[in-house]
Amino acid sequence: HAAAELDEVGVEAQPRRTPAPAWLPTAKGEEGDFCLRSSDCAPGLCCARHFWSKICKPVLREGQVCTRHRRKGTHGLEIFQRCQCAEGLACRLQREQGPADASRLHTCQRH
């Protein structure tokens, strides 16, 4: 796809929002910094798609809404990806007292 080819040409094509590019090994990316993979980001952050680039976003905490991937194929189509739940948490359907399909929200919950 086109984004991968852009990386090869030269990094100057990307808008510079951060003082130090996230791909330099000097510092781990903070929230909102560009990244290529989650290891580029500081602890507690993951690398997730945001529009057509990828930035460091916070890993989800207990009670936060998470994305449950029903089919593996849909994963690549998200424009705004969320991080996975933090260690020891699982993305589960929230059981609300109310109408059967009231929220259908998935949240990070303890195992």
PDB file of N, CA and C in Angstrom:
ATOM      1  N   HIS A   1       0.832  -1.200   0.000  1.00  0.00           N
ATOM      2  CA  HIS A   1       0.000   0.000   0.000  1.00  0.00           C
ATOM      3  C   HIS A   1       0.868   1.253   0.000  1.00  0.00           C
ATOM      4  N   ALA A   2       0.267   2.376  -0.278  1.00  0.00           N
ATOM      5  CA  ALA A   2       1.008   3.611  -0.531  1.00  0.00           C
ATOM      6  C   ALA A   2       1.805   4.102   0.678  1.00  0.00           C
ATOM      7  N   ALA A   3       1.264   3.924   1.882  1.00  0.00           N
ATOM      8  CA  ALA A   3       1.932   4.456   3.069  1.00  0.00           C
ATOM      9  C   ALA A   3       3.325   3.853   3.256  1.00  0.00           C
ATOM     10  N   ALA A   4       3.463   2.574   2.973  1.00  0.00           N
ATOM     11  CA  ALA A   4       4.755   1.915   3.146  1.00  0.00           C
ATOM     12  C   ALA A   4       5.778   2.489   2.175  1.00  0.00           C
ATOM     13  N   GLU A   5       5.348   2.774   0.960  1.00  0.00           N
ATOM     14  CA  GLU A   5       6.254   3.339  -0.022  1.00  0.00           C
ATOM     15  C   GLU A   5       6.701   4.739   0.386  1.00  0.00           C
ATOM     16  N   LEU A   6       5.834   5.471   1.016  1.00  0.00           N
ATOM     17  CA  LEU A   6       6.161   6.815   1.467  1.00  0.00           C
ATOM     18  C   LEU A   6       7.336   6.788   2.443  1.00  0.00           C
ATOM     19  N   ASP A   7       7.337   5.785   3.320  1.00  0.00           N
ATOM     20  CA  ASP A   7       8.416   5.662   4.301  1.00  0.00           C
ATOM     21  C   ASP A   7       9.763   5.477   3.615  1.00  0.00           C
ATOM     22  N   GLU A   8       9.766   4.742   2.497  1.00  0.00           N
ATOM     23  CA  GLU A   8      11.025   4.457   1.811  1.00  0.00           C
ATOM     24  C   GLU A   8      11.617   5.715   1.165  1.00  0.00           C
ATOM     25  N   VAL A   9      10.744   6.552   0.616  1.00  0.00           N
ATOM     26  CA  VAL A   9      11.206   7.710  -0.146  1.00  0.00           C
ATOM     27  C   VAL A   9      11.988   8.668   0.740  1.00  0.00           C
ATOM     28  N   GLY A  10      11.458   8.964   1.883  1.00  0.00           N
ATOM     29  CA  GLY A  10      12.132   9.901   2.774  1.00  0.00           C
ATOM     30  C   GLY A  10      11.119  10.427   3.747  1.00  0.00           C
ATOM     31  N   VAL A  11      11.577  10.688   4.928  1.00  0.00           N
ATOM     32  CA  VAL A  11      10.674  11.013   6.009  1.00  0.00           C
ATOM     33  C   VAL A  11      10.215  12.462   5.917  1.00  0.00           C
ATOM     34  N   GLU A  12      10.879  13.254   5.091  1.00  0.00           N
ATOM     35  CA  GLU A  12      10.554  14.676   5.011  1.00  0.00           C
ATOM     36  C   GLU A  12       9.138  14.918   4.506  1.00  0.00           C
ATOM     37  N   ALA A  13       8.570  13.932   3.841  1.00  0.00           N
ATOM     38  CA  ALA A  13       7.230  14.090   3.290  1.00  0.00           C
ATOM     39  C   ALA A  13       6.184  14.225   4.394  1.00  0.00           C
ATOM     40  N   GLN A  14       6.488  13.717   5.574  1.00  0.00           N
ATOM     41  CA  GLN A  14       5.507  13.777   6.657  1.00  0.00           C
ATOM     42  C   GLN A  14       5.561  15.124   7.368  1.00  0.00           C
ATOM     43  N   PRO A  15       4.390  15.621   7.783  1.00  0.00           N
ATOM     44  CA  PRO A  15       4.375  16.891   8.533  1.00  0.00           C
ATOM     45  C   PRO A  15       5.110  16.715   9.855  1.00  0.00           C
ATOM     46  N   ARG A  16       5.867  17.716  10.211  1.00  0.00           N
ATOM     47  CA  ARG A  16       6.642  17.641  11.458  1.00  0.00           C
ATOM     48  C   ARG A  16       5.852  18.264  12.593  1.00  0.00           C
ATOM     49  N   ARG A  17       5.288  17.414  13.436  1.00  0.00           N
ATOM     50  CA  ARG A  17       4.563  17.949  14.586  1.00  0.00           C
ATOM     51  C   ARG A  17       5.362  17.759  15.857  1.00  0.00           C
ATOM     52  N   THR A  18       6.344  16.865  15.797  1.00  0.00           N
ATOM     53  CA  THR A  18       7.071  16.529  17.011  1.00  0.00           C
ATOM     54  C   THR A  18       8.517  16.992  16.851  1.00  0.00           C
ATOM     55  N   PRO A  19       9.133  17.462  17.918  1.00  0.00           N
ATOM     56  CA  PRO A  19      10.520  17.938  17.839  1.00  0.00           C
ATOM     57  C   PRO A  19      11.495  16.838  17.405  1.00  0.00           C
ATOM     58  N   ALA A  20      11.330  15.647  17.940  1.00  0.00           N
ATOM     59  CA  ALA A  20      12.207  14.537  17.560  1.00  0.00           C
ATOM     60  C   ALA A  20      11.356  13.454  16.917  1.00  0.00           C
ATOM     61  N   PRO A  21      11.710  13.011  15.712  1.00  0.00           N
ATOM     62  CA  PRO A  21      10.913  11.972  15.065  1.00  0.00           C
ATOM     63  C   PRO A  21      10.869  10.702  15.912  1.00  0.00           C
ATOM     64  N   ALA A  22       9.718  10.054  15.916  1.00  0.00           N
ATOM     65  CA  ALA A  22       9.518   8.888  16.784  1.00  0.00           C
ATOM     66  C   ALA A  22      10.410   7.715  16.396  1.00  0.00           C
ATOM     67  N   TRP A  23      10.893   7.710  15.119  1.00  0.00           N
ATOM     68  CA  TRP A  23      11.691   6.553  14.688  1.00  0.00           C
ATOM     69  C   TRP A  23      13.152   6.661  15.103  1.00  0.00           C
ATOM     70  N   LEU A  24      13.541   7.798  15.692  1.00  0.00           N
ATOM     71  CA  LEU A  24      14.895   7.876  16.246  1.00  0.00           C
ATOM     72  C   LEU A  24      14.895   7.152  17.581  1.00  0.00           C
ATOM     73  N   PRO A  25      15.896   6.350  17.843  1.00  0.00           N
ATOM     74  CA  PRO A  25      15.888   5.536  19.062  1.00  0.00           C
ATOM     75  C   PRO A  25      16.151   6.336  20.336  1.00  0.00           C
ATOM     76  N   THR A  26      16.393   7.642  20.223  1.00  0.00           N
ATOM     77  CA  THR A  26      16.756   8.449  21.392  1.00  0.00           C
ATOM     78  C   THR A  26      15.702   8.391  22.487  1.00  0.00           C
ATOM     79  N   ALA A  27      14.456   8.768  22.162  1.00  0.00           N
ATOM     80  CA  ALA A  27      13.408   8.799  23.176  1.00  0.00           C
ATOM     81  C   ALA A  27      12.201   8.037  22.669  1.00  0.00           C
ATOM     82  N   LYS A  28      11.464   7.461  23.591  1.00  0.00           N
ATOM     83  CA  LYS A  28      10.228   6.777  23.221  1.00  0.00           C
ATOM     84  C   LYS A  28       9.160   7.817  22.934  1.00  0.00           C
ATOM     85  N   GLY A  29       8.298   7.511  21.955  1.00  0.00           N
ATOM     86  CA  GLY A  29       7.261   8.453  21.575  1.00  0.00           C
ATOM     87  C   GLY A  29       6.264   8.691  22.687  1.00  0.00           C
ATOM     88  N   GLU A  30       5.899   9.941  22.845  1.00  0.00           N
ATOM     89  CA  GLU A  30       4.856  10.285  23.809  1.00  0.00           C
ATOM     90  C   GLU A  30       3.506  10.237  23.100  1.00  0.00           C
ATOM     91  N   GLU A  31       2.441  10.425  23.862  1.00  0.00           N
ATOM     92  CA  GLU A  31       1.101  10.383  23.282  1.00  0.00           C
ATOM     93  C   GLU A  31       0.982  11.402  22.150  1.00  0.00           C
ATOM     94  N   GLY A  32       0.523  10.947  20.981  1.00  0.00           N
ATOM     95  CA  GLY A  32       0.352  11.838  19.844  1.00  0.00           C
ATOM     96  C   GLY A  32       1.535  11.869  18.887  1.00  0.00           C
ATOM     97  N   ASP A  33       2.672  11.276  19.284  1.00  0.00           N
ATOM     98  CA  ASP A  33       3.837  11.235  18.396  1.00  0.00           C
ATOM     99  C   ASP A  33       3.647  10.181  17.313  1.00  0.00           C
ATOM    100  N   PHE A  34       4.239  10.410  16.163  1.00  0.00           N
ATOM    101  CA  PHE A  34       4.210   9.412  15.095  1.00  0.00           C
ATOM    102  C   PHE A  34       4.989   8.172  15.513  1.00  0.00           C
ATOM    103  N   CYS A  35       4.551   7.007  15.033  1.00  0.00           N
ATOM    104  CA  CYS A  35       5.245   5.769  15.370  1.00  0.00           C
ATOM    105  C   CYS A  35       5.046   4.778  14.235  1.00  0.00           C
ATOM    106  N   LEU A  36       5.851   3.741  14.234  1.00  0.00           N
ATOM    107  CA  LEU A  36       5.690   2.654  13.274  1.00  0.00           C
ATOM    108  C   LEU A  36       5.179   1.407  13.963  1.00  0.00           C
ATOM    109  N   ARG A  37       5.609   1.193  15.201  1.00  0.00           N
ATOM    110  CA  ARG A  37       5.165   0.023  15.962  1.00  0.00           C
ATOM    111  C   ARG A  37       5.093   0.434  17.433  1.00  0.00           C
ATOM    112  N   SER A  38       4.425  -0.400  18.229  1.00  0.00           N
ATOM    113  CA  SER A  38       4.202  -0.035  19.634  1.00  0.00           C
ATOM    114  C   SER A  38       5.497   0.104  20.420  1.00  0.00           C
ATOM    115  N   SER A  39       6.555  -0.586  19.976  1.00  0.00           N
ATOM    116  CA  SER A  39       7.834  -0.473  20.695  1.00  0.00           C
ATOM    117  C   SER A  39       8.458   0.909  20.516  1.00  0.00           C
ATOM    118  N   ASP A  40       7.956   1.701  19.565  1.00  0.00           N
ATOM    119  CA  ASP A  40       8.434   3.080  19.398  1.00  0.00           C
ATOM    120  C   ASP A  40       7.858   4.006  20.468  1.00  0.00           C
ATOM    121  N   CYS A  41       6.810   3.543  21.148  1.00  0.00           N
ATOM    122  CA  CYS A  41       6.096   4.403  22.091  1.00  0.00           C
ATOM    123  C   CYS A  41       6.541   4.142  23.527  1.00  0.00           C
ATOM    124  N   ALA A  42       6.336   5.144  24.360  1.00  0.00           N
ATOM    125  CA  ALA A  42       6.663   5.030  25.771  1.00  0.00           C
ATOM    126  C   ALA A  42       5.781   3.964  26.434  1.00  0.00           C
ATOM    127  N   PRO A  43       6.182   3.464  27.594  1.00  0.00           N
ATOM    128  CA  PRO A  43       5.369   2.467  28.307  1.00  0.00           C
ATOM    129  C   PRO A  43       3.957   2.994  28.563  1.00  0.00           C
ATOM    130  N   GLY A  44       2.975   2.112  28.437  1.00  0.00           N
ATOM    131  CA  GLY A  44       1.593   2.526  28.640  1.00  0.00           C
ATOM    132  C   GLY A  44       0.948   3.102  27.390  1.00  0.00           C
ATOM    133  N   LEU A  45       1.711   3.123  26.286  1.00  0.00           N
ATOM    134  CA  LEU A  45       1.169   3.597  25.015  1.00  0.00           C
ATOM    135  C   LEU A  45       1.312   2.507  23.974  1.00  0.00           C
ATOM    136  N   CYS A  46       0.462   2.548  22.936  1.00  0.00           N
ATOM    137  CA  CYS A  46       0.632   1.639  21.815  1.00  0.00           C
ATOM    138  C   CYS A  46       0.581   2.447  20.536  1.00  0.00           C
ATOM    139  N   CYS A  47       1.040   1.859  19.460  1.00  0.00           N
ATOM    140  CA  CYS A  47       1.044   2.525  18.168  1.00  0.00           C
ATOM    141  C   CYS A  47      -0.234   2.145  17.422  1.00  0.00           C
ATOM    142  N   ALA A  48      -1.095   3.101  17.146  1.00  0.00           N
ATOM    143  CA  ALA A  48      -2.384   2.805  16.516  1.00  0.00           C
ATOM    144  C   ALA A  48      -2.676   3.809  15.409  1.00  0.00           C
ATOM    145  N   ARG A  49      -3.443   3.350  14.426  1.00  0.00           N
ATOM    146  CA  ARG A  49      -3.759   4.202  13.285  1.00  0.00           C
ATOM    147  C   ARG A  49      -4.606   5.400  13.703  1.00  0.00           C
ATOM    148  N   HIS A  50      -4.279   6.560  13.133  1.00  0.00           N
ATOM    149  CA  HIS A  50      -5.034   7.782  13.344  1.00  0.00           C
ATOM    150  C   HIS A  50      -5.076   8.477  11.995  1.00  0.00           C
ATOM    151  N   PHE A  51      -6.216   8.447  11.339  1.00  0.00           N
ATOM    152  CA  PHE A  51      -6.302   8.829   9.934  1.00  0.00           C
ATOM    153  C   PHE A  51      -5.333   7.949   9.149  1.00  0.00           C
ATOM    154  N   TRP A  52      -4.395   8.577   8.431  1.00  0.00           N
ATOM    155  CA  TRP A  52      -3.536   7.767   7.559  1.00  0.00           C
ATOM    156  C   TRP A  52      -2.128   7.648   8.082  1.00  0.00           C
ATOM    157  N   SER A  53      -1.907   8.061   9.314  1.00  0.00           N
ATOM    158  CA  SER A  53      -0.604   7.821   9.925  1.00  0.00           C
ATOM    159  C   SER A  53      -0.851   7.008  11.183  1.00  0.00           C
ATOM    160  N   LYS A  54       0.203   6.710  11.900  1.00  0.00           N
ATOM    161  CA  LYS A  54       0.049   5.987  13.159  1.00  0.00           C
ATOM    162  C   LYS A  54       0.689   6.814  14.252  1.00  0.00           C
ATOM    163  N   ILE A  55       0.024   6.903  15.380  1.00  0.00           N
ATOM    164  CA  ILE A  55       0.538   7.679  16.498  1.00  0.00           C
ATOM    165  C   ILE A  55       0.458   6.858  17.778  1.00  0.00           C
ATOM    166  N   CYS A  56       1.219   7.288  18.774  1.00  0.00           N
ATOM    167  CA  CYS A  56       1.180   6.640  20.087  1.00  0.00           C
ATOM    168  C   CYS A  56      -0.098   7.062  20.813  1.00  0.00           C
ATOM    169  N   LYS A  57      -0.851   6.064  21.255  1.00  0.00           N
ATOM    170  CA  LYS A  57      -2.078   6.318  22.004  1.00  0.00           C
ATOM    171  C   LYS A  57      -2.020   5.538  23.310  1.00  0.00           C
ATOM    172  N   PRO A  58      -2.749   6.006  24.331  1.00  0.00           N
ATOM    173  CA  PRO A  58      -2.701   5.321  25.629  1.00  0.00           C
ATOM    174  C   PRO A  58      -3.352   3.942  25.593  1.00  0.00           C
ATOM    175  N   VAL A  59      -2.725   2.994  26.274  1.00  0.00           N
ATOM    176  CA  VAL A  59      -3.315   1.669  26.458  1.00  0.00           C
ATOM    177  C   VAL A  59      -4.556   1.835  27.329  1.00  0.00           C
ATOM    178  N   LEU A  60      -5.587   1.051  27.044  1.00  0.00           N
ATOM    179  CA  LEU A  60      -6.875   1.242  27.717  1.00  0.00           C
ATOM    180  C   LEU A  60      -6.874   0.732  29.152  1.00  0.00           C
ATOM    181  N   ARG A  61      -7.504   1.483  30.016  1.00  0.00           N
ATOM    182  CA  ARG A  61      -7.617   1.129  31.438  1.00  0.00           C
ATOM    183  C   ARG A  61      -8.966   0.477  31.716  1.00  0.00           C
ATOM    184  N   GLU A  62      -9.129  -0.015  32.923  1.00  0.00           N
ATOM    185  CA  GLU A  62     -10.371  -0.683  33.310  1.00  0.00           C
ATOM    186  C   GLU A  62     -11.567   0.245  33.130  1.00  0.00           C
ATOM    187  N   GLY A  63     -12.633  -0.273  32.489  1.00  0.00           N
ATOM    188  CA  GLY A  63     -13.846   0.507  32.307  1.00  0.00           C
ATOM    189  C   GLY A  63     -13.868   1.338  31.037  1.00  0.00           C
ATOM    190  N   GLN A  64     -12.732   1.448  30.340  1.00  0.00           N
ATOM    191  CA  GLN A  64     -12.725   2.221  29.103  1.00  0.00           C
ATOM    192  C   GLN A  64     -13.266   1.398  27.948  1.00  0.00           C
ATOM    193  N   VAL A  65     -13.872   2.066  26.994  1.00  0.00           N
ATOM    194  CA  VAL A  65     -14.443   1.388  25.835  1.00  0.00           C
ATOM    195  C   VAL A  65     -13.321   0.846  24.951  1.00  0.00           C
ATOM    196  N   CYS A  66     -13.495  -0.383  24.493  1.00  0.00           N
ATOM    197  CA  CYS A  66     -12.469  -1.016  23.657  1.00  0.00           C
ATOM    198  C   CYS A  66     -13.123  -1.541  22.380  1.00  0.00           C
ATOM    199  N   THR A  67     -12.313  -1.886  21.426  1.00  0.00           N
ATOM    200  CA  THR A  67     -12.818  -2.410  20.157  1.00  0.00           C
ATOM    201  C   THR A  67     -12.691  -3.918  20.153  1.00  0.00           C
ATOM    202  N   ARG A  68     -13.798  -4.585  19.907  1.00  0.00           N
ATOM    203  CA  ARG A  68     -13.773  -6.037  19.812  1.00  0.00           C
ATOM    204  C   ARG A  68     -13.772  -6.402  18.342  1.00  0.00           C
ATOM    205  N   HIS A  69     -12.751  -7.095  17.888  1.00  0.00           N
ATOM    206  CA  HIS A  69     -12.686  -7.433  16.468  1.00  0.00           C
ATOM    207  C   HIS A  69     -13.410  -8.742  16.218  1.00  0.00           C
ATOM    208  N   ARG A  70     -14.587  -8.660  15.619  1.00  0.00           N
ATOM    209  CA  ARG A  70     -15.341  -9.877  15.325  1.00  0.00           C
ATOM    210  C   ARG A  70     -14.658 -10.653  14.213  1.00  0.00           C
ATOM    211  N   ARG A  71     -14.286  -9.941  13.166  1.00  0.00           N
ATOM    212  CA  ARG A  71     -13.576 -10.592  12.062  1.00  0.00           C
ATOM    213  C   ARG A  71     -12.207  -9.955  11.922  1.00  0.00           C
ATOM    214  N   LYS A  72     -11.197 -10.795  11.779  1.00  0.00           N
ATOM    215  CA  LYS A  72      -9.837 -10.282  11.681  1.00  0.00           C
ATOM    216  C   LYS A  72      -9.671  -9.306  10.515  1.00  0.00           C
ATOM    217  N   GLY A  73     -10.430  -9.519   9.427  1.00  0.00           N
ATOM    218  CA  GLY A  73     -10.252  -8.710   8.234  1.00  0.00           C
ATOM    219  C   GLY A  73     -10.600  -7.236   8.392  1.00  0.00           C
ATOM    220  N   THR A  74     -11.505  -6.918   9.313  1.00  0.00           N
ATOM    221  CA  THR A  74     -11.959  -5.538   9.459  1.00  0.00           C
ATOM    222  C   THR A  74     -10.925  -4.681  10.171  1.00  0.00           C
ATOM    223  N   HIS A  75      -9.949  -5.310  10.795  1.00  0.00           N
ATOM    224  CA  HIS A  75      -8.960  -4.599  11.607  1.00  0.00           C
ATOM    225  C   HIS A  75      -8.249  -3.498  10.827  1.00  0.00           C
ATOM    226  N   GLY A  76      -7.897  -3.757   9.570  1.00  0.00           N
ATOM    227  CA  GLY A  76      -7.124  -2.799   8.799  1.00  0.00           C
ATOM    228  C   GLY A  76      -7.925  -1.605   8.309  1.00  0.00           C
ATOM    229  N   LEU A  77      -9.245  -1.667   8.403  1.00  0.00           N
ATOM    230  CA  LEU A  77     -10.072  -0.614   7.837  1.00  0.00           C
ATOM    231  C   LEU A  77     -10.321   0.536   8.804  1.00  0.00           C
ATOM    232  N   GLU A  78      -9.999   0.353  10.056  1.00  0.00           N
ATOM    233  CA  GLU A  78     -10.278   1.393  11.039  1.00  0.00           C
ATOM    234  C   GLU A  78      -9.406   2.610  10.791  1.00  0.00           C
ATOM    235  N   ILE A  79     -10.022   3.769  10.841  1.00  0.00           N
ATOM    236  CA  ILE A  79      -9.246   5.002  10.706  1.00  0.00           C
ATOM    237  C   ILE A  79      -8.740   5.425  12.082  1.00  0.00           C
ATOM    238  N   PHE A  80      -9.553   5.193  13.103  1.00  0.00           N
ATOM    239  CA  PHE A  80      -9.126   5.510  14.463  1.00  0.00           C
ATOM    240  C   PHE A  80      -9.051   4.217  15.251  1.00  0.00           C
ATOM    241  N   GLN A  81      -7.870   3.662  15.336  1.00  0.00           N
ATOM    242  CA  GLN A  81      -7.718   2.434  16.109  1.00  0.00           C
ATOM    243  C   GLN A  81      -7.589   2.781  17.582  1.00  0.00           C
ATOM    244  N   ARG A  82      -8.023   1.860  18.400  1.00  0.00           N
ATOM    245  CA  ARG A  82      -7.782   1.992  19.835  1.00  0.00           C
ATOM    246  C   ARG A  82      -6.687   1.020  20.211  1.00  0.00           C
ATOM    247  N   CYS A  83      -6.022   1.313  21.305  1.00  0.00           N
ATOM    248  CA  CYS A  83      -5.059   0.356  21.837  1.00  0.00           C
ATOM    249  C   CYS A  83      -5.809  -0.830  22.430  1.00  0.00           C
ATOM    250  N   GLN A  84      -5.058  -1.852  22.756  1.00  0.00           N
ATOM    251  CA  GLN A  84      -5.642  -3.002  23.442  1.00  0.00           C
ATOM    252  C   GLN A  84      -5.783  -2.650  24.925  1.00  0.00           C
ATOM    253  N   CYS A  85      -6.501  -3.493  25.642  1.00  0.00           N
ATOM    254  CA  CYS A  85      -6.646  -3.281  27.084  1.00  0.00           C
ATOM    255  C   CYS A  85      -5.310  -3.524  27.787  1.00  0.00           C
ATOM    256  N   ALA A  86      -5.117  -2.856  28.915  1.00  0.00           N
ATOM    257  CA  ALA A  86      -3.899  -3.019  29.704  1.00  0.00           C
ATOM    258  C   ALA A  86      -3.779  -4.460  30.218  1.00  0.00           C
ATOM    259  N   GLU A  87      -2.609  -4.781  30.711  1.00  0.00           N
ATOM    260  CA  GLU A  87      -2.310  -6.111  31.246  1.00  0.00           C
ATOM    261  C   GLU A  87      -3.364  -6.539  32.264  1.00  0.00           C
ATOM    262  N   GLY A  88      -3.862  -7.773  32.139  1.00  0.00           N
ATOM    263  CA  GLY A  88      -4.822  -8.294  33.118  1.00  0.00           C
ATOM    264  C   GLY A  88      -6.264  -7.896  32.853  1.00  0.00           C
ATOM    265  N   LEU A  89      -6.495  -7.159  31.761  1.00  0.00           N
ATOM    266  CA  LEU A  89      -7.857  -6.765  31.415  1.00  0.00           C
ATOM    267  C   LEU A  89      -8.253  -7.403  30.087  1.00  0.00           C
ATOM    268  N   ALA A  90      -9.546  -7.669  29.926  1.00  0.00           N
ATOM    269  CA  ALA A  90     -10.044  -8.239  28.680  1.00  0.00           C
ATOM    270  C   ALA A  90     -11.148  -7.350  28.131  1.00  0.00           C
ATOM    271  N   CYS A  91     -11.271  -7.327  26.804  1.00  0.00           N
ATOM    272  CA  CYS A  91     -12.320  -6.539  26.155  1.00  0.00           C
ATOM    273  C   CYS A  91     -13.600  -7.365  26.135  1.00  0.00           C
ATOM    274  N   ARG A  92     -14.559  -6.993  26.951  1.00  0.00           N
ATOM    275  CA  ARG A  92     -15.782  -7.780  27.066  1.00  0.00           C
ATOM    276  C   ARG A  92     -17.004  -6.901  26.895  1.00  0.00           C
ATOM    277  N   LEU A  93     -18.101  -7.541  26.497  1.00  0.00           N
ATOM    278  CA  LEU A  93     -19.372  -6.834  26.367  1.00  0.00           C
ATOM    279  C   LEU A  93     -19.813  -6.378  27.753  1.00  0.00           C
ATOM    280  N   GLN A  94     -20.164  -5.107  27.842  1.00  0.00           N
ATOM    281  CA  GLN A  94     -20.598  -4.558  29.123  1.00  0.00           C
ATOM    282  C   GLN A  94     -22.000  -5.042  29.429  1.00  0.00           C
ATOM    283  N   ARG A  95     -22.187  -5.620  30.610  1.00  0.00           N
ATOM    284  CA  ARG A  95     -23.512  -6.097  30.975  1.00  0.00           C
ATOM    285  C   ARG A  95     -24.243  -4.987  31.721  1.00  0.00           C
ATOM    286  N   GLU A  96     -25.154  -4.360  31.030  1.00  0.00           N
ATOM    287  CA  GLU A  96     -25.917  -3.272  31.647  1.00  0.00           C
ATOM    288  C   GLU A  96     -27.257  -3.819  32.099  1.00  0.00           C
ATOM    289  N   GLN A  97     -27.788  -3.261  33.181  1.00  0.00           N
ATOM    290  CA  GLN A  97     -29.156  -3.592  33.565  1.00  0.00           C
ATOM    291  C   GLN A  97     -30.053  -2.689  32.734  1.00  0.00           C
ATOM    292  N   GLY A  98     -30.762  -3.284  31.782  1.00  0.00           N
ATOM    293  CA  GLY A  98     -31.617  -2.475  30.919  1.00  0.00           C
ATOM    294  C   GLY A  98     -32.024  -3.284  29.703  1.00  0.00           C
ATOM    295  N   PRO A  99     -32.480  -2.605  28.656  1.00  0.00           N
ATOM    296  CA  PRO A  99     -32.871  -3.318  27.439  1.00  0.00           C
ATOM    297  C   PRO A  99     -31.734  -4.190  26.925  1.00  0.00           C
ATOM    298  N   ALA A 100     -32.085  -5.292  26.331  1.00  0.00           N
ATOM    299  CA  ALA A 100     -31.101  -6.299  25.932  1.00  0.00           C
ATOM    300  C   ALA A 100     -29.921  -5.722  25.144  1.00  0.00           C
ATOM    301  N   ASP A 101     -30.224  -4.879  24.146  1.00  0.00           N
ATOM    302  CA  ASP A 101     -29.123  -4.367  23.338  1.00  0.00           C
ATOM    303  C   ASP A 101     -28.909  -2.875  23.585  1.00  0.00           C
ATOM    304  N   ALA A 102     -29.058  -2.461  24.838  1.00  0.00           N
ATOM    305  CA  ALA A 102     -28.988  -1.044  25.200  1.00  0.00           C
ATOM    306  C   ALA A 102     -27.710  -0.386  24.678  1.00  0.00           C
ATOM    307  N   SER A 103     -26.565  -0.919  25.049  1.00  0.00           N
ATOM    308  CA  SER A 103     -25.333  -0.226  24.703  1.00  0.00           C
ATOM    309  C   SER A 103     -24.480  -0.990  23.700  1.00  0.00           C
ATOM    310  N   ARG A 104     -24.402  -2.300  23.844  1.00  0.00           N
ATOM    311  CA  ARG A 104     -23.498  -3.117  23.030  1.00  0.00           C
ATOM    312  C   ARG A 104     -22.059  -2.631  23.132  1.00  0.00           C
ATOM    313  N   LEU A 105     -21.751  -1.908  24.185  1.00  0.00           N
ATOM    314  CA  LEU A 105     -20.404  -1.384  24.369  1.00  0.00           C
ATOM    315  C   LEU A 105     -19.489  -2.460  24.932  1.00  0.00           C
ATOM    316  N   HIS A 106     -18.295  -2.530  24.396  1.00  0.00           N
ATOM    317  CA  HIS A 106     -17.279  -3.391  24.991  1.00  0.00           C
ATOM    318  C   HIS A 106     -16.365  -2.515  25.838  1.00  0.00           C
ATOM    319  N   THR A 107     -16.056  -2.986  27.032  1.00  0.00           N
ATOM    320  CA  THR A 107     -15.150  -2.252  27.896  1.00  0.00           C
ATOM    321  C   THR A 107     -14.071  -3.194  28.427  1.00  0.00           C
ATOM    322  N   CYS A 108     -12.976  -2.593  28.881  1.00  0.00           N
ATOM    323  CA  CYS A 108     -11.894  -3.377  29.473  1.00  0.00           C
ATOM    324  C   CYS A 108     -12.298  -3.786  30.878  1.00  0.00           C
ATOM    325  N   GLN A 109     -12.311  -5.106  31.128  1.00  0.00           N
ATOM    326  CA  GLN A 109     -12.732  -5.616  32.425  1.00  0.00           C
ATOM    327  C   GLN A 109     -11.694  -6.621  32.935  1.00  0.00           C
ATOM    328  N   ARG A 110     -11.649  -6.730  34.268  1.00  0.00           N
ATOM    329  CA  ARG A 110     -10.730  -7.703  34.882  1.00  0.00           C
ATOM    330  C   ARG A 110     -11.111  -9.116  34.445  1.00  0.00           C
ATOM    331  N   HIS A 111     -10.108  -9.971  34.264  1.00  0.00           N
ATOM    332  CA  HIS A 111     -10.354 -11.363  33.845  1.00  0.00           C
ATOM    333  C   HIS A 111     -11.231 -12.084  34.863  1.00  0.00           C
TER     334      HIS A 111
END
